[in-house]
PDB file of all heavy atoms in Angstrom:
ATOM      1  N   TYR A   1      87.896 -74.262  83.434  1.00  0.00           N
ATOM      2  CA  TYR A   1      88.330 -74.299  82.126  1.00  0.00           C
ATOM      3  C   TYR A   1      89.857 -74.551  81.938  1.00  0.00           C
ATOM      4  O   TYR A   1      90.401 -74.552  80.855  1.00  0.00           O
ATOM      5  CB  TYR A   1      87.952 -73.053  81.376  1.00  0.00           C
ATOM      6  CG  TYR A   1      86.441 -72.843  81.260  1.00  0.00           C
ATOM      7  CD1 TYR A   1      85.804 -71.726  81.821  1.00  0.00           C
ATOM      8  CD2 TYR A   1      85.624 -73.780  80.656  1.00  0.00           C
ATOM      9  CE1 TYR A   1      84.436 -71.541  81.761  1.00  0.00           C
ATOM     10  CE2 TYR A   1      84.263 -73.641  80.591  1.00  0.00           C
ATOM     11  CZ  TYR A   1      83.687 -72.511  81.117  1.00  0.00           C
ATOM     12  OH  TYR A   1      82.347 -72.349  81.092  1.00  0.00           O
ATOM     13  N   PHE A   2      90.569 -74.661  83.131  1.00  0.00           N
ATOM     14  CA  PHE A   2      91.953 -74.921  83.135  1.00  0.00           C
ATOM     15  C   PHE A   2      92.215 -76.394  82.693  1.00  0.00           C
ATOM     16  O   PHE A   2      91.436 -77.276  82.990  1.00  0.00           O
ATOM     17  CB  PHE A   2      92.588 -74.700  84.496  1.00  0.00           C
ATOM     18  CG  PHE A   2      92.799 -73.260  84.873  1.00  0.00           C
ATOM     19  CD1 PHE A   2      92.161 -72.263  84.184  1.00  0.00           C
ATOM     20  CD2 PHE A   2      93.608 -72.942  85.903  1.00  0.00           C
ATOM     21  CE1 PHE A   2      92.370 -70.942  84.546  1.00  0.00           C
ATOM     22  CE2 PHE A   2      93.853 -71.652  86.280  1.00  0.00           C
ATOM     23  CZ  PHE A   2      93.197 -70.594  85.584  1.00  0.00           C
ATOM     24  N   SER A   3      93.402 -76.609  82.075  1.00  0.00           N
ATOM     25  CA  SER A   3      93.771 -78.045  81.854  1.00  0.00           C
ATOM     26  C   SER A   3      94.170 -78.655  83.181  1.00  0.00           C
ATOM     27  O   SER A   3      94.351 -77.976  84.156  1.00  0.00           O
ATOM     28  CB  SER A   3      95.021 -77.997  80.883  1.00  0.00           C
ATOM     29  OG  SER A   3      96.185 -77.441  81.555  1.00  0.00           O
ATOM     30  N   SER A   4      94.310 -79.982  83.124  1.00  0.00           N
ATOM     31  CA  SER A   4      94.694 -80.651  84.372  1.00  0.00           C
ATOM     32  C   SER A   4      96.086 -80.240  84.879  1.00  0.00           C
ATOM     33  O   SER A   4      96.329 -80.139  86.072  1.00  0.00           O
ATOM     34  CB  SER A   4      94.711 -82.172  84.121  1.00  0.00           C
ATOM     35  OG  SER A   4      95.600 -82.538  83.070  1.00  0.00           O
ATOM     36  N   GLY A   5      96.964 -79.908  83.926  1.00  0.00           N
ATOM     37  CA  GLY A   5      98.282 -79.408  84.299  1.00  0.00           C
ATOM     38  C   GLY A   5      98.254 -78.086  84.968  1.00  0.00           C
ATOM     39  O   GLY A   5      99.000 -77.766  85.915  1.00  0.00           O
ATOM     40  N   MET A   6      97.431 -77.169  84.423  1.00  0.00           N
ATOM     41  CA  MET A   6      97.222 -75.840  85.016  1.00  0.00           C
ATOM     42  C   MET A   6      96.664 -75.925  86.418  1.00  0.00           C
ATOM     43  O   MET A   6      97.075 -75.205  87.326  1.00  0.00           O
ATOM     44  CB  MET A   6      96.358 -74.957  84.096  1.00  0.00           C
ATOM     45  CG  MET A   6      96.987 -74.569  82.810  1.00  0.00           C
ATOM     46  SD  MET A   6      95.823 -73.668  81.730  1.00  0.00           S
ATOM     47  CE  MET A   6      95.727 -72.090  82.595  1.00  0.00           C
ATOM     48  N   LYS A   7      95.685 -76.789  86.593  1.00  0.00           N
ATOM     49  CA  LYS A   7      95.098 -77.018  87.965  1.00  0.00           C
ATOM     50  C   LYS A   7      96.143 -77.512  88.944  1.00  0.00           C
ATOM     51  O   LYS A   7      96.171 -77.024  90.069  1.00  0.00           O
ATOM     52  CB  LYS A   7      93.923 -77.957  87.867  1.00  0.00           C
ATOM     53  CG  LYS A   7      92.726 -77.419  87.137  1.00  0.00           C
ATOM     54  CD  LYS A   7      91.570 -78.469  87.031  1.00  0.00           C
ATOM     55  CE  LYS A   7      90.420 -77.951  86.256  1.00  0.00           C
ATOM     56  NZ  LYS A   7      89.361 -78.932  86.101  1.00  0.00           N
ATOM     57  N   GLN A   8      96.969 -78.448  88.473  1.00  0.00           N
ATOM     58  CA  GLN A   8      97.974 -78.943  89.359  1.00  0.00           C
ATOM     59  C   GLN A   8      98.996 -77.844  89.751  1.00  0.00           C
ATOM     60  O   GLN A   8      99.466 -77.788  90.880  1.00  0.00           O
ATOM     61  CB  GLN A   8      98.717 -80.137  88.740  1.00  0.00           C
ATOM     62  CG  GLN A   8      99.736 -80.808  89.647  1.00  0.00           C
ATOM     63  CD  GLN A   8      99.179 -81.428  90.893  1.00  0.00           C
ATOM     64  OE1 GLN A   8      97.984 -81.494  91.060  1.00  0.00           O
ATOM     65  NE2 GLN A   8     100.113 -81.841  91.773  1.00  0.00           N
ATOM     66  N   ARG A   9      99.377 -77.041  88.770  1.00  0.00           N
ATOM     67  CA  ARG A   9     100.271 -75.938  89.077  1.00  0.00           C
ATOM     68  C   ARG A   9      99.682 -75.018  90.110  1.00  0.00           C
ATOM     69  O   ARG A   9     100.346 -74.539  91.036  1.00  0.00           O
ATOM     70  CB  ARG A   9     100.584 -75.158  87.807  1.00  0.00           C
ATOM     71  CG  ARG A   9     101.582 -75.782  86.876  1.00  0.00           C
ATOM     72  CD  ARG A   9     102.178 -74.670  85.966  1.00  0.00           C
ATOM     73  NE  ARG A   9     103.051 -75.242  84.915  1.00  0.00           N
ATOM     74  CZ  ARG A   9     104.049 -74.520  84.395  1.00  0.00           C
ATOM     75  NH1 ARG A   9     104.222 -73.314  84.732  1.00  0.00           N
ATOM     76  NH2 ARG A   9     104.763 -75.053  83.461  1.00  0.00           N
ATOM     77  N   LEU A  10      98.387 -74.727  89.907  1.00  0.00           N
ATOM     78  CA  LEU A  10      97.751 -73.795  90.870  1.00  0.00           C
ATOM     79  C   LEU A  10      97.748 -74.395  92.301  1.00  0.00           C
ATOM     80  O   LEU A  10      98.004 -73.754  93.295  1.00  0.00           O
ATOM     81  CB  LEU A  10      96.323 -73.508  90.430  1.00  0.00           C
ATOM     82  CG  LEU A  10      95.475 -72.608  91.365  1.00  0.00           C
ATOM     83  CD1 LEU A  10      96.133 -71.254  91.599  1.00  0.00           C
ATOM     84  CD2 LEU A  10      94.133 -72.348  90.678  1.00  0.00           C
ATOM     85  N   LYS A  11      97.395 -75.729  92.420  1.00  0.00           N
ATOM     86  CA  LYS A  11      97.410 -76.328  93.699  1.00  0.00           C
ATOM     87  C   LYS A  11      98.749 -76.259  94.409  1.00  0.00           C
ATOM     88  O   LYS A  11      98.913 -75.973  95.587  1.00  0.00           O
ATOM     89  CB  LYS A  11      96.995 -77.795  93.605  1.00  0.00           C
ATOM     90  CG  LYS A  11      95.545 -78.061  93.198  1.00  0.00           C
ATOM     91  CD  LYS A  11      95.286 -79.555  92.975  1.00  0.00           C
ATOM     92  CE  LYS A  11      93.936 -79.796  92.456  1.00  0.00           C
ATOM     93  NZ  LYS A  11      93.637 -81.265  92.262  1.00  0.00           N
ATOM     94  N   LEU A  12      99.818 -76.492  93.543  1.00  0.00           N
ATOM     95  CA  LEU A  12     101.197 -76.516  94.126  1.00  0.00           C
ATOM     96  C   LEU A  12     101.606 -75.104  94.546  1.00  0.00           C
ATOM     97  O   LEU A  12     102.193 -74.887  95.594  1.00  0.00           O
ATOM     98  CB  LEU A  12     102.151 -76.990  93.096  1.00  0.00           C
ATOM     99  CG  LEU A  12     102.105 -78.516  92.810  1.00  0.00           C
ATOM    100  CD1 LEU A  12     102.964 -78.865  91.629  1.00  0.00           C
ATOM    101  CD2 LEU A  12     102.553 -79.296  94.043  1.00  0.00           C
ATOM    102  N   ALA A  13     101.246 -74.081  93.691  1.00  0.00           N
ATOM    103  CA  ALA A  13     101.574 -72.714  94.033  1.00  0.00           C
ATOM    104  C   ALA A  13     100.914 -72.264  95.282  1.00  0.00           C
ATOM    105  O   ALA A  13     101.534 -71.541  96.153  1.00  0.00           O
ATOM    106  CB  ALA A  13     101.271 -71.817  92.851  1.00  0.00           C
ATOM    107  N   LEU A  14      99.624 -72.601  95.479  1.00  0.00           N
ATOM    108  CA  LEU A  14      98.895 -72.195  96.651  1.00  0.00           C
ATOM    109  C   LEU A  14      99.506 -72.801  97.917  1.00  0.00           C
ATOM    110  O   LEU A  14      99.559 -72.164  98.952  1.00  0.00           O
ATOM    111  CB  LEU A  14      97.428 -72.518  96.530  1.00  0.00           C
ATOM    112  CG  LEU A  14      96.639 -71.718  95.482  1.00  0.00           C
ATOM    113  CD1 LEU A  14      95.213 -72.306  95.366  1.00  0.00           C
ATOM    114  CD2 LEU A  14      96.579 -70.211  95.827  1.00  0.00           C
ATOM    115  N   ALA A  15      99.926 -74.047  97.745  1.00  0.00           N
ATOM    116  CA  ALA A  15     100.530 -74.733  98.955  1.00  0.00           C
ATOM    117  C   ALA A  15     101.934 -74.227  99.238  1.00  0.00           C
ATOM    118  O   ALA A  15     102.253 -73.844 100.385  1.00  0.00           O
ATOM    119  CB  ALA A  15     100.519 -76.242  98.735  1.00  0.00           C
ATOM    120  N   ILE A  16     102.815 -74.255  98.226  1.00  0.00           N
ATOM    121  CA  ILE A  16     104.202 -73.945  98.423  1.00  0.00           C
ATOM    122  C   ILE A  16     104.421 -72.470  98.733  1.00  0.00           C
ATOM    123  O   ILE A  16     105.304 -72.141  99.515  1.00  0.00           O
ATOM    124  CB  ILE A  16     105.018 -74.357  97.210  1.00  0.00           C
ATOM    125  CG1 ILE A  16     104.974 -75.932  97.052  1.00  0.00           C
ATOM    126  CG2 ILE A  16     106.459 -73.939  97.328  1.00  0.00           C
ATOM    127  CD1 ILE A  16     105.547 -76.393  95.726  1.00  0.00           C
ATOM    128  N   CYS A  17     103.622 -71.587  98.123  1.00  0.00           N
ATOM    129  CA  CYS A  17     103.859 -70.167  98.236  1.00  0.00           C
ATOM    130  C   CYS A  17     103.005 -69.517  99.393  1.00  0.00           C
ATOM    131  O   CYS A  17     102.940 -68.264  99.422  1.00  0.00           O
ATOM    132  CB  CYS A  17     103.583 -69.479  96.905  1.00  0.00           C
ATOM    133  SG  CYS A  17     104.685 -70.025  95.593  1.00  0.00           S
ATOM    134  N   SER A  18     102.400 -70.306 100.188  1.00  0.00           N
ATOM    135  CA  SER A  18     101.712 -69.792 101.345  1.00  0.00           C
ATOM    136  C   SER A  18     102.533 -69.801 102.537  1.00  0.00           C
ATOM    137  O   SER A  18     103.493 -70.622 102.687  1.00  0.00           O
ATOM    138  CB  SER A  18     100.365 -70.563 101.576  1.00  0.00           C
ATOM    139  OG  SER A  18      99.453 -70.322 100.569  1.00  0.00           O
ATOM    140  N   LYS A  19     102.202 -68.936 103.463  1.00  0.00           N
ATOM    141  CA  LYS A  19     102.944 -68.850 104.733  1.00  0.00           C
ATOM    142  C   LYS A  19     102.592 -70.040 105.615  1.00  0.00           C
ATOM    143  O   LYS A  19     101.512 -70.013 106.249  1.00  0.00           O
ATOM    144  CB  LYS A  19     102.702 -67.562 105.397  1.00  0.00           C
ATOM    145  CG  LYS A  19     103.622 -67.192 106.556  1.00  0.00           C
ATOM    146  CD  LYS A  19     103.312 -65.783 107.106  1.00  0.00           C
ATOM    147  CE  LYS A  19     104.213 -65.456 108.261  1.00  0.00           C
ATOM    148  NZ  LYS A  19     103.928 -64.119 108.852  1.00  0.00           N
ATOM    149  N   SER A  20     103.433 -71.028 105.660  1.00  0.00           N
ATOM    150  CA  SER A  20     103.206 -72.201 106.532  1.00  0.00           C
ATOM    151  C   SER A  20     104.536 -72.801 106.944  1.00  0.00           C
ATOM    152  O   SER A  20     105.507 -72.696 106.219  1.00  0.00           O
ATOM    153  CB  SER A  20     102.346 -73.221 105.787  1.00  0.00           C
ATOM    154  OG  SER A  20     103.104 -73.789 104.679  1.00  0.00           O
ATOM    155  N   ASN A  21     104.557 -73.370 108.123  1.00  0.00           N
ATOM    156  CA  ASN A  21     105.761 -74.044 108.585  1.00  0.00           C
ATOM    157  C   ASN A  21     105.855 -75.477 108.180  1.00  0.00           C
ATOM    158  O   ASN A  21     106.939 -76.112 108.221  1.00  0.00           O
ATOM    159  CB  ASN A  21     105.781 -73.997 110.122  1.00  0.00           C
ATOM    160  CG  ASN A  21     105.958 -72.566 110.633  1.00  0.00           C
ATOM    161  OD1 ASN A  21     106.933 -71.895 110.248  1.00  0.00           O
ATOM    162  ND2 ASN A  21     105.051 -72.128 111.473  1.00  0.00           N
ATOM    163  N   PHE A  22     104.722 -76.086 107.719  1.00  0.00           N
ATOM    164  CA  PHE A  22     104.589 -77.516 107.503  1.00  0.00           C
ATOM    165  C   PHE A  22     103.961 -77.689 106.125  1.00  0.00           C
ATOM    166  O   PHE A  22     102.831 -77.285 105.905  1.00  0.00           O
ATOM    167  CB  PHE A  22     103.743 -78.078 108.616  1.00  0.00           C
ATOM    168  CG  PHE A  22     103.601 -79.593 108.669  1.00  0.00           C
ATOM    169  CD1 PHE A  22     104.504 -80.421 107.938  1.00  0.00           C
ATOM    170  CD2 PHE A  22     102.696 -80.201 109.458  1.00  0.00           C
ATOM    171  CE1 PHE A  22     104.387 -81.773 108.001  1.00  0.00           C
ATOM    172  CE2 PHE A  22     102.551 -81.580 109.481  1.00  0.00           C
ATOM    173  CZ  PHE A  22     103.436 -82.388 108.745  1.00  0.00           C
ATOM    174  N   LEU A  23     104.689 -78.255 105.196  1.00  0.00           N
ATOM    175  CA  LEU A  23     104.293 -78.403 103.812  1.00  0.00           C
ATOM    176  C   LEU A  23     104.215 -79.888 103.414  1.00  0.00           C
ATOM    177  O   LEU A  23     105.215 -80.600 103.503  1.00  0.00           O
ATOM    178  CB  LEU A  23     105.252 -77.684 102.852  1.00  0.00           C
ATOM    179  CG  LEU A  23     105.004 -77.704 101.394  1.00  0.00           C
ATOM    180  CD1 LEU A  23     103.598 -77.164 101.042  1.00  0.00           C
ATOM    181  CD2 LEU A  23     106.073 -76.878 100.696  1.00  0.00           C
ATOM    182  N   LEU A  24     103.002 -80.305 103.031  1.00  0.00           N
ATOM    183  CA  LEU A  24     102.772 -81.705 102.612  1.00  0.00           C
ATOM    184  C   LEU A  24     102.379 -81.752 101.148  1.00  0.00           C
ATOM    185  O   LEU A  24     101.414 -81.053 100.733  1.00  0.00           O
ATOM    186  CB  LEU A  24     101.635 -82.328 103.456  1.00  0.00           C
ATOM    187  CG  LEU A  24     101.962 -82.512 104.976  1.00  0.00           C
ATOM    188  CD1 LEU A  24     100.601 -82.730 105.706  1.00  0.00           C
ATOM    189  CD2 LEU A  24     102.878 -83.662 105.169  1.00  0.00           C
ATOM    190  N   LEU A  25     103.082 -82.521 100.369  1.00  0.00           N
ATOM    191  CA  LEU A  25     102.808 -82.691  98.948  1.00  0.00           C
ATOM    192  C   LEU A  25     102.620 -84.124  98.631  1.00  0.00           C
ATOM    193  O   LEU A  25     103.500 -85.006  98.889  1.00  0.00           O
ATOM    194  CB  LEU A  25     103.970 -82.079  98.089  1.00  0.00           C
ATOM    195  CG  LEU A  25     104.367 -80.664  98.389  1.00  0.00           C
ATOM    196  CD1 LEU A  25     105.552 -80.267  97.530  1.00  0.00           C
ATOM    197  CD2 LEU A  25     103.180 -79.711  98.148  1.00  0.00           C
ATOM    198  N   ASP A  26     101.521 -84.484  98.005  1.00  0.00           N
ATOM    199  CA  ASP A  26     101.213 -85.834  97.595  1.00  0.00           C
ATOM    200  C   ASP A  26     101.279 -85.916  96.026  1.00  0.00           C
ATOM    201  O   ASP A  26     100.518 -85.255  95.334  1.00  0.00           O
ATOM    202  CB  ASP A  26      99.804 -86.279  98.095  1.00  0.00           C
ATOM    203  CG  ASP A  26      99.600 -87.734  98.038  1.00  0.00           C
ATOM    204  OD1 ASP A  26     100.458 -88.452  97.508  1.00  0.00           O
ATOM    205  OD2 ASP A  26      98.547 -88.193  98.523  1.00  0.00           O
ATOM    206  N   GLU A  27     102.218 -86.716  95.530  1.00  0.00           N
ATOM    207  CA  GLU A  27     102.420 -86.850  94.116  1.00  0.00           C
ATOM    208  C   GLU A  27     102.392 -85.535  93.361  1.00  0.00           C
ATOM    209  O   GLU A  27     101.542 -85.269  92.450  1.00  0.00           O
ATOM    210  CB  GLU A  27     101.360 -87.805  93.533  1.00  0.00           C
ATOM    211  CG  GLU A  27     101.388 -89.201  94.171  1.00  0.00           C
ATOM    212  CD  GLU A  27     100.410 -90.192  93.510  1.00  0.00           C
ATOM    213  OE1 GLU A  27      99.521 -89.734  92.807  1.00  0.00           O
ATOM    214  OE2 GLU A  27     100.607 -91.404  93.759  1.00  0.00           O
ATOM    215  N   PRO A  28     103.334 -84.665  93.668  1.00  0.00           N
ATOM    216  CA  PRO A  28     103.254 -83.266  93.221  1.00  0.00           C
ATOM    217  C   PRO A  28     103.358 -83.086  91.695  1.00  0.00           C
ATOM    218  O   PRO A  28     102.845 -82.088  91.180  1.00  0.00           O
ATOM    219  CB  PRO A  28     104.397 -82.620  93.910  1.00  0.00           C
ATOM    220  CG  PRO A  28     105.326 -83.680  94.315  1.00  0.00           C
ATOM    221  CD  PRO A  28     104.437 -84.854  94.604  1.00  0.00           C
ATOM    222  N   THR A  29     104.009 -83.993  90.969  1.00  0.00           N
ATOM    223  CA  THR A  29     104.112 -83.726  89.501  1.00  0.00           C
ATOM    224  C   THR A  29     103.061 -84.444  88.728  1.00  0.00           C
ATOM    225  O   THR A  29     103.156 -84.539  87.472  1.00  0.00           O
ATOM    226  CB  THR A  29     105.536 -84.188  88.988  1.00  0.00           C
ATOM    227  OG1 THR A  29     105.748 -85.592  89.248  1.00  0.00           O
ATOM    228  CG2 THR A  29     106.606 -83.381  89.704  1.00  0.00           C
ATOM    229  N   THR A  30     102.018 -84.976  89.345  1.00  0.00           N
ATOM    230  CA  THR A  30     100.899 -85.503  88.617  1.00  0.00           C
ATOM    231  C   THR A  30     100.345 -84.456  87.616  1.00  0.00           C
ATOM    232  O   THR A  30     100.110 -83.345  87.988  1.00  0.00           O
ATOM    233  CB  THR A  30      99.801 -85.930  89.609  1.00  0.00           C
ATOM    234  OG1 THR A  30     100.258 -86.919  90.473  1.00  0.00           O
ATOM    235  CG2 THR A  30      98.538 -86.413  88.858  1.00  0.00           C
ATOM    236  N   ASN A  31     100.162 -84.899  86.375  1.00  0.00           N
ATOM    237  CA  ASN A  31      99.615 -84.081  85.303  1.00  0.00           C
ATOM    238  C   ASN A  31     100.546 -83.000  84.804  1.00  0.00           C
ATOM    239  O   ASN A  31     100.124 -82.166  83.941  1.00  0.00           O
ATOM    240  CB  ASN A  31      98.254 -83.441  85.705  1.00  0.00           C
ATOM    241  CG  ASN A  31      97.183 -84.452  85.976  1.00  0.00           C
ATOM    242  OD1 ASN A  31      97.048 -85.468  85.247  1.00  0.00           O
ATOM    243  ND2 ASN A  31      96.384 -84.221  87.020  1.00  0.00           N
ATOM    244  N   LEU A  32     101.812 -82.954  85.289  1.00  0.00           N
ATOM    245  CA  LEU A  32     102.734 -81.903  84.832  1.00  0.00           C
ATOM    246  C   LEU A  32     103.611 -82.503  83.707  1.00  0.00           C
ATOM    247  O   LEU A  32     104.038 -83.605  83.748  1.00  0.00           O
ATOM    248  CB  LEU A  32     103.650 -81.461  85.960  1.00  0.00           C
ATOM    249  CG  LEU A  32     102.962 -80.747  87.137  1.00  0.00           C
ATOM    250  CD1 LEU A  32     104.043 -80.225  88.090  1.00  0.00           C
ATOM    251  CD2 LEU A  32     102.093 -79.584  86.684  1.00  0.00           C
ATOM    252  N   ASP A  33     103.809 -81.630  82.654  1.00  0.00           N
ATOM    253  CA  ASP A  33     104.696 -82.007  81.589  1.00  0.00           C
ATOM    254  C   ASP A  33     106.147 -81.648  81.995  1.00  0.00           C
ATOM    255  O   ASP A  33     106.354 -81.251  83.162  1.00  0.00           O
ATOM    256  CB  ASP A  33     104.355 -81.264  80.319  1.00  0.00           C
ATOM    257  CG  ASP A  33     104.330 -79.762  80.407  1.00  0.00           C
ATOM    258  OD1 ASP A  33     104.927 -79.253  81.361  1.00  0.00           O
ATOM    259  OD2 ASP A  33     103.743 -79.111  79.552  1.00  0.00           O
ATOM    260  N   GLU A  34     107.096 -81.886  81.080  1.00  0.00           N
ATOM    261  CA  GLU A  34     108.517 -81.698  81.474  1.00  0.00           C
ATOM    262  C   GLU A  34     108.769 -80.277  81.933  1.00  0.00           C
ATOM    263  O   GLU A  34     109.500 -80.061  82.911  1.00  0.00           O
ATOM    264  CB  GLU A  34     109.355 -82.027  80.302  1.00  0.00           C
ATOM    265  CG  GLU A  34     110.880 -81.947  80.586  1.00  0.00           C
ATOM    266  CD  GLU A  34     111.713 -82.330  79.386  1.00  0.00           C
ATOM    267  OE1 GLU A  34     111.152 -82.862  78.457  1.00  0.00           O
ATOM    268  OE2 GLU A  34     112.946 -82.203  79.406  1.00  0.00           O
ATOM    269  N   GLN A  35     108.162 -79.293  81.290  1.00  0.00           N
ATOM    270  CA  GLN A  35     108.364 -77.950  81.727  1.00  0.00           C
ATOM    271  C   GLN A  35     107.710 -77.660  83.028  1.00  0.00           C
ATOM    272  O   GLN A  35     108.318 -76.984  83.897  1.00  0.00           O
ATOM    273  CB  GLN A  35     107.732 -76.960  80.675  1.00  0.00           C
ATOM    274  CG  GLN A  35     107.858 -75.499  80.980  1.00  0.00           C
ATOM    275  CD  GLN A  35     107.169 -74.593  80.025  1.00  0.00           C
ATOM    276  OE1 GLN A  35     106.065 -74.943  79.505  1.00  0.00           O
ATOM    277  NE2 GLN A  35     107.711 -73.454  79.743  1.00  0.00           N
ATOM    278  N   GLY A  36     106.560 -78.270  83.315  1.00  0.00           N
ATOM    279  CA  GLY A  36     105.926 -78.114  84.636  1.00  0.00           C
ATOM    280  C   GLY A  36     106.724 -78.755  85.714  1.00  0.00           C
ATOM    281  O   GLY A  36     106.757 -78.226  86.868  1.00  0.00           O
ATOM    282  N   VAL A  37     107.412 -79.856  85.474  1.00  0.00           N
ATOM    283  CA  VAL A  37     108.288 -80.498  86.460  1.00  0.00           C
ATOM    284  C   VAL A  37     109.403 -79.579  86.823  1.00  0.00           C
ATOM    285  O   VAL A  37     109.719 -79.418  88.002  1.00  0.00           O
ATOM    286  CB  VAL A  37     108.757 -81.878  85.951  1.00  0.00           C
ATOM    287  CG1 VAL A  37     109.839 -82.394  86.934  1.00  0.00           C
ATOM    288  CG2 VAL A  37     107.628 -82.842  85.814  1.00  0.00           C
ATOM    289  N   GLY A  38     109.995 -78.938  85.808  1.00  0.00           N
ATOM    290  CA  GLY A  38     111.063 -78.022  86.052  1.00  0.00           C
ATOM    291  C   GLY A  38     110.580 -76.824  86.909  1.00  0.00           C
ATOM    292  O   GLY A  38     111.313 -76.323  87.805  1.00  0.00           O
ATOM    293  N   TRP A  39     109.398 -76.359  86.619  1.00  0.00           N
ATOM    294  CA  TRP A  39     108.751 -75.261  87.347  1.00  0.00           C
ATOM    295  C   TRP A  39     108.562 -75.639  88.822  1.00  0.00           C
ATOM    296  O   TRP A  39     108.911 -74.916  89.717  1.00  0.00           O
ATOM    297  CB  TRP A  39     107.453 -74.874  86.682  1.00  0.00           C
ATOM    298  CG  TRP A  39     106.605 -73.895  87.474  1.00  0.00           C
ATOM    299  CD1 TRP A  39     106.729 -72.532  87.399  1.00  0.00           C
ATOM    300  CD2 TRP A  39     105.552 -74.182  88.320  1.00  0.00           C
ATOM    301  NE1 TRP A  39     105.760 -72.011  88.201  1.00  0.00           N
ATOM    302  CE2 TRP A  39     105.032 -72.957  88.799  1.00  0.00           C
ATOM    303  CE3 TRP A  39     105.006 -75.383  88.814  1.00  0.00           C
ATOM    304  CZ2 TRP A  39     103.981 -72.884  89.729  1.00  0.00           C
ATOM    305  CZ3 TRP A  39     103.891 -75.310  89.706  1.00  0.00           C
ATOM    306  CH2 TRP A  39     103.433 -74.078  90.145  1.00  0.00           C
ATOM    307  N   TYR A  40     108.070 -76.889  89.035  1.00  0.00           N
ATOM    308  CA  TYR A  40     107.867 -77.415  90.387  1.00  0.00           C
ATOM    309  C   TYR A  40     109.238 -77.434  91.158  1.00  0.00           C
ATOM    310  O   TYR A  40     109.291 -77.017  92.318  1.00  0.00           O
ATOM    311  CB  TYR A  40     107.215 -78.785  90.335  1.00  0.00           C
ATOM    312  CG  TYR A  40     107.492 -79.675  91.501  1.00  0.00           C
ATOM    313  CD1 TYR A  40     106.903 -79.454  92.700  1.00  0.00           C
ATOM    314  CD2 TYR A  40     108.416 -80.756  91.336  1.00  0.00           C
ATOM    315  CE1 TYR A  40     107.165 -80.316  93.820  1.00  0.00           C
ATOM    316  CE2 TYR A  40     108.702 -81.611  92.457  1.00  0.00           C
ATOM    317  CZ  TYR A  40     108.070 -81.354  93.710  1.00  0.00           C
ATOM    318  OH  TYR A  40     108.314 -82.168  94.738  1.00  0.00           O
TER     319      TYR A  40
END
């Protein structure tokens, strides 16, 4: 029931905020509005 922007935020948060040495992001601001881009 999340919007596309909320889902993208969740994907980014799970990747960026997890303990990993190697972080890969593909088109990270897809579906994000201006506020979401600032958050990213």
